[in-house]
Each structure stands twice: as structure tokens, then as C-alpha cells.
Amino acid sequence: MSVREIRLFGDPVLRSACRAVTDLESVRGLVEDLLETTKLPGRAGVAANQIGVDLRVFSYNVHGEVGYLINPEIIDLQGDPQLTEEGCLSLPGLWHKTPRYPIATARGQQLDGSIVEVSGTGLMAQALQHECDHLDGKVYIDRLLPEERKLAFRALREQSWFMAN
């Protein structure tokens, strides 16, 4: 197990939809690395493509609840989308009001092949939506309302890490 480096916005792996996992045993090491990478402070979740792997797997760590989903899909969203402050490890230093549903449920597999559902409100709902977006090749700024999106891209261009990318 190891903590893996986070890919930054501009890396093509973040903009491509990830492939489904067909051999669960082959991703055991990936799951372990995702869990280790997510355990660092300030991390609610990490998607596989954020560490350079184009497979549909993510880990989460929200209020002490740590886990992962393989081949996840959002199966239920409830309530009206609310503007919530959101950031991303792949866009460090940027935070923007992002429309997210207040209640979300995702379904996915575990390494033993079992199917599990993870539901949550608040940060958990946000993390489930955020990580599934990553696996679809989207980042949170893709969800911003037009005026907020303009602000986000202006702020993005001012980031020293972005110009170096």
C-alpha cells in the first residue's frame, strides 16, 4: 500500500471516462492505494483517475467512514440541488459554489464481489457525486453555474501549478 500522487487539472486522464473493472482481484492493490491516499487529512475521496489509473474505482473518507466502490453508479439523488462550497485535490487552492443534491446513494462492488450501497447527506452526498463525476471524466468546475464557472477559470489561470502543467 502506498500514498499516490494526485494528478492535476490539465492531465488528460482526468477528462476521460474510466473503464469498468472486469477482474476484481486485479484491482486489490489499487483499492489499497486509494484508501491510503484518501486517509490523508483534508481528503473526502479520491478517484482512480486522480492517481493516473483509468478504472472505475474510488475511495471515500467522510467523518470517519472509510470505504471504496468498484464500478460505482449513482442510483438515487434526492432534494433540489443546493450550492455547496466544493474543492478538489486535482484543482488545489480553488473552492467554488457547486450545485449538488443534498442526498445521494451510490451502488458498487467490493473486492469479494458483493454489491453495496452507500448513502449520505451533506459531505457524503457531495463526495459520492464528486467521485462518480471524476470517473465519468468530469471535474466539479464542469457543474458550476455560468458566472461561477467564469470566476473559476479566471482563478485557475492564476494558479502557478496550472501554468506548469
Protein backbone atom coordinates (compact mmCIF):
# COMPACT_ATOMS: atom_id res chain seq x y z
CA MET A 1 0.00 0.00 0.00
CA SER A 2 1.19 3.48 -0.76
CA VAL A 3 0.00 7.05 -0.96
CA ARG A 4 -0.11 8.02 -4.62
CA GLU A 5 0.46 11.42 -6.21
CA ILE A 6 -2.67 13.31 -7.26
CA ARG A 7 -2.91 14.28 -10.94
CA LEU A 8 -3.72 17.94 -11.54
CA PHE A 9 -6.29 19.53 -13.81
CA GLY A 10 -4.88 19.59 -17.31
CA ASP A 11 -3.82 15.93 -17.17
CA PRO A 12 -5.82 14.13 -19.89
CA VAL A 13 -6.61 11.17 -17.60
CA LEU A 14 -8.97 13.44 -15.65
CA ARG A 15 -11.06 14.23 -18.74
CA SER A 16 -11.68 10.69 -19.98
CA ALA A 17 -14.38 8.33 -18.79
CA CYS A 18 -12.84 5.43 -16.89
CA ARG A 19 -13.13 1.80 -17.92
CA ALA A 20 -15.22 -0.68 -15.95
CA VAL A 21 -13.35 -3.15 -13.78
CA THR A 22 -13.84 -6.69 -15.09
CA ASP A 23 -11.41 -8.58 -12.82
CA LEU A 24 -11.90 -7.63 -9.18
CA GLU A 25 -8.74 -9.34 -7.96
CA SER A 26 -6.65 -7.25 -10.35
CA VAL A 27 -7.61 -4.02 -8.53
CA ARG A 28 -6.81 -5.13 -4.97
CA GLY A 29 -3.59 -3.08 -4.91
CA LEU A 30 -5.35 -0.09 -6.48
CA VAL A 31 -8.06 -0.18 -3.80
CA GLU A 32 -5.42 -0.33 -1.06
CA ASP A 33 -3.55 2.63 -2.58
CA LEU A 34 -6.76 4.64 -2.93
CA LEU A 35 -7.66 4.00 0.71
CA GLU A 36 -4.17 5.05 1.85
CA THR A 37 -4.25 8.15 -0.35
CA THR A 38 -7.69 9.15 0.94
CA LYS A 39 -6.70 8.78 4.61
CA LEU A 40 -4.51 11.89 4.48
CA PRO A 41 -6.08 14.90 6.24
CA GLY A 42 -8.49 17.02 4.21
CA ARG A 43 -9.43 14.29 1.76
CA ALA A 44 -13.06 13.14 1.47
CA GLY A 45 -12.42 10.95 -1.56
CA VAL A 46 -10.05 10.01 -4.35
CA ALA A 47 -10.99 8.57 -7.74
CA ALA A 48 -8.66 6.18 -9.54
CA ASN A 49 -8.07 8.58 -12.43
CA GLN A 50 -6.84 11.17 -9.92
CA ILE A 51 -3.87 8.86 -9.35
CA GLY A 52 -3.49 8.11 -13.05
CA VAL A 53 -5.50 4.88 -13.36
CA ASP A 54 -8.44 4.88 -15.79
CA LEU A 55 -10.59 2.35 -13.93
CA ARG A 56 -13.96 2.89 -12.24
CA VAL A 57 -12.90 2.80 -8.59
CA PHE A 58 -12.95 5.42 -5.84
CA SER A 59 -12.37 5.59 -2.11
CA TYR A 60 -14.00 7.86 0.45
CA ASN A 61 -13.27 9.06 3.97
CA VAL A 62 -16.13 11.14 5.35
CA HIS A 63 -16.49 11.76 9.08
CA GLY A 64 -14.53 8.61 9.88
CA GLU A 65 -16.48 6.41 7.46
CA VAL A 66 -13.85 4.95 5.15
CA GLY A 67 -14.60 2.74 2.17
CA TYR A 68 -14.47 2.23 -1.56
CA LEU A 69 -16.68 1.35 -4.51
CA ILE A 70 -15.72 -0.52 -7.65
CA ASN A 71 -17.78 0.22 -10.79
CA PRO A 72 -19.92 2.72 -8.87
CA GLU A 73 -23.03 4.36 -10.16
CA ILE A 74 -25.29 6.96 -8.61
CA ILE A 75 -28.66 5.27 -8.21
CA ASP A 76 -30.60 7.94 -6.34
CA LEU A 77 -30.45 11.69 -5.89
CA GLN A 78 -32.96 13.50 -3.71
CA GLY A 79 -33.90 17.08 -2.99
CA ASP A 80 -33.22 20.15 -5.02
CA PRO A 81 -29.59 20.87 -5.90
CA GLN A 82 -28.01 23.27 -3.43
CA LEU A 83 -24.97 25.47 -3.91
CA THR A 84 -22.23 23.99 -1.75
CA GLU A 85 -18.62 25.10 -1.35
CA GLU A 86 -16.55 22.49 -3.14
CA GLY A 87 -12.90 21.96 -3.88
CA CYS A 88 -10.86 19.19 -5.47
CA LEU A 89 -7.43 17.70 -4.91
CA SER A 90 -6.86 17.95 -8.66
CA LEU A 91 -7.58 21.71 -8.56
CA PRO A 92 -5.71 22.72 -5.38
CA GLY A 93 -6.47 26.10 -3.87
CA LEU A 94 -9.80 26.57 -5.67
CA TRP A 95 -13.19 26.48 -3.95
CA HIS A 96 -16.48 27.31 -5.67
CA LYS A 97 -20.20 27.06 -5.03
CA THR A 98 -21.23 23.89 -6.85
CA PRO A 99 -24.80 22.65 -7.31
CA ARG A 100 -25.10 19.25 -5.63
CA TYR A 101 -28.05 17.18 -4.50
CA PRO A 102 -28.32 17.07 -0.69
CA ILE A 103 -28.97 13.30 -0.58
CA ALA A 104 -27.20 10.72 -2.74
CA THR A 105 -26.92 6.95 -2.98
CA ALA A 106 -24.29 5.09 -4.97
CA ARG A 107 -24.06 1.37 -5.68
CA GLY A 108 -20.90 -0.53 -6.44
CA GLN A 109 -18.91 -3.67 -5.83
CA GLN A 110 -16.47 -4.74 -3.16
CA LEU A 111 -13.39 -6.86 -3.79
CA ASP A 112 -15.29 -10.00 -2.74
CA GLY A 113 -17.87 -9.36 -5.48
CA SER A 114 -20.64 -8.25 -3.15
CA ILE A 115 -22.81 -5.31 -4.15
CA VAL A 116 -23.11 -2.49 -1.63
CA GLU A 117 -24.94 0.79 -1.47
CA VAL A 118 -23.56 3.89 0.20
CA SER A 119 -25.96 6.70 1.05
CA GLY A 120 -25.42 10.01 2.67
CA THR A 121 -26.33 13.60 3.18
CA GLY A 122 -24.14 16.66 3.29
CA LEU A 123 -20.47 15.91 2.70
CA MET A 124 -21.08 12.21 1.98
CA ALA A 125 -23.67 13.03 -0.69
CA GLN A 126 -21.29 15.59 -2.16
CA ALA A 127 -18.36 13.14 -2.14
CA LEU A 128 -20.34 10.39 -3.87
CA GLN A 129 -21.41 12.76 -6.64
CA HIS A 130 -17.93 14.32 -6.93
CA GLU A 131 -16.09 10.99 -7.21
CA CYS A 132 -18.58 9.48 -9.68
CA ASP A 133 -18.16 12.63 -11.79
CA HIS A 134 -14.40 12.05 -11.83
CA LEU A 135 -14.91 8.52 -13.13
CA ASP A 136 -17.05 9.96 -15.93
CA GLY A 137 -14.23 12.35 -16.91
CA LYS A 138 -15.74 15.42 -15.23
CA VAL A 139 -14.40 17.77 -12.59
CA TYR A 140 -16.53 19.89 -10.31
CA ILE A 141 -15.99 23.09 -12.30
CA ASP A 142 -17.95 21.44 -15.12
CA ARG A 143 -21.03 21.65 -12.87
CA LEU A 144 -20.71 25.32 -11.96
CA LEU A 145 -23.32 27.87 -12.95
CA PRO A 146 -22.10 30.16 -15.78
CA GLU A 147 -20.98 33.16 -13.66
CA GLU A 148 -19.25 30.96 -11.09
CA ARG A 149 -17.60 28.99 -13.90
CA LYS A 150 -16.10 32.20 -15.33
CA LEU A 151 -14.69 33.03 -11.89
CA ALA A 152 -13.31 29.51 -11.55
CA PHE A 153 -11.47 29.59 -14.86
CA ARG A 154 -10.09 33.05 -14.11
CA ALA A 155 -8.80 31.77 -10.75
CA LEU A 156 -7.48 28.61 -12.41
CA ARG A 157 -5.34 30.60 -14.85
CA GLU A 158 -3.77 32.40 -11.87
CA GLN A 159 -2.60 29.16 -10.22
CA SER A 160 1.15 28.56 -10.52
CA TRP A 161 0.60 24.78 -10.67
CA PHE A 162 -1.76 25.15 -13.64
CA MET A 163 0.70 27.00 -15.85
CA ALA A 164 3.37 24.42 -15.04
CA ASN A 165 1.03 21.60 -16.08
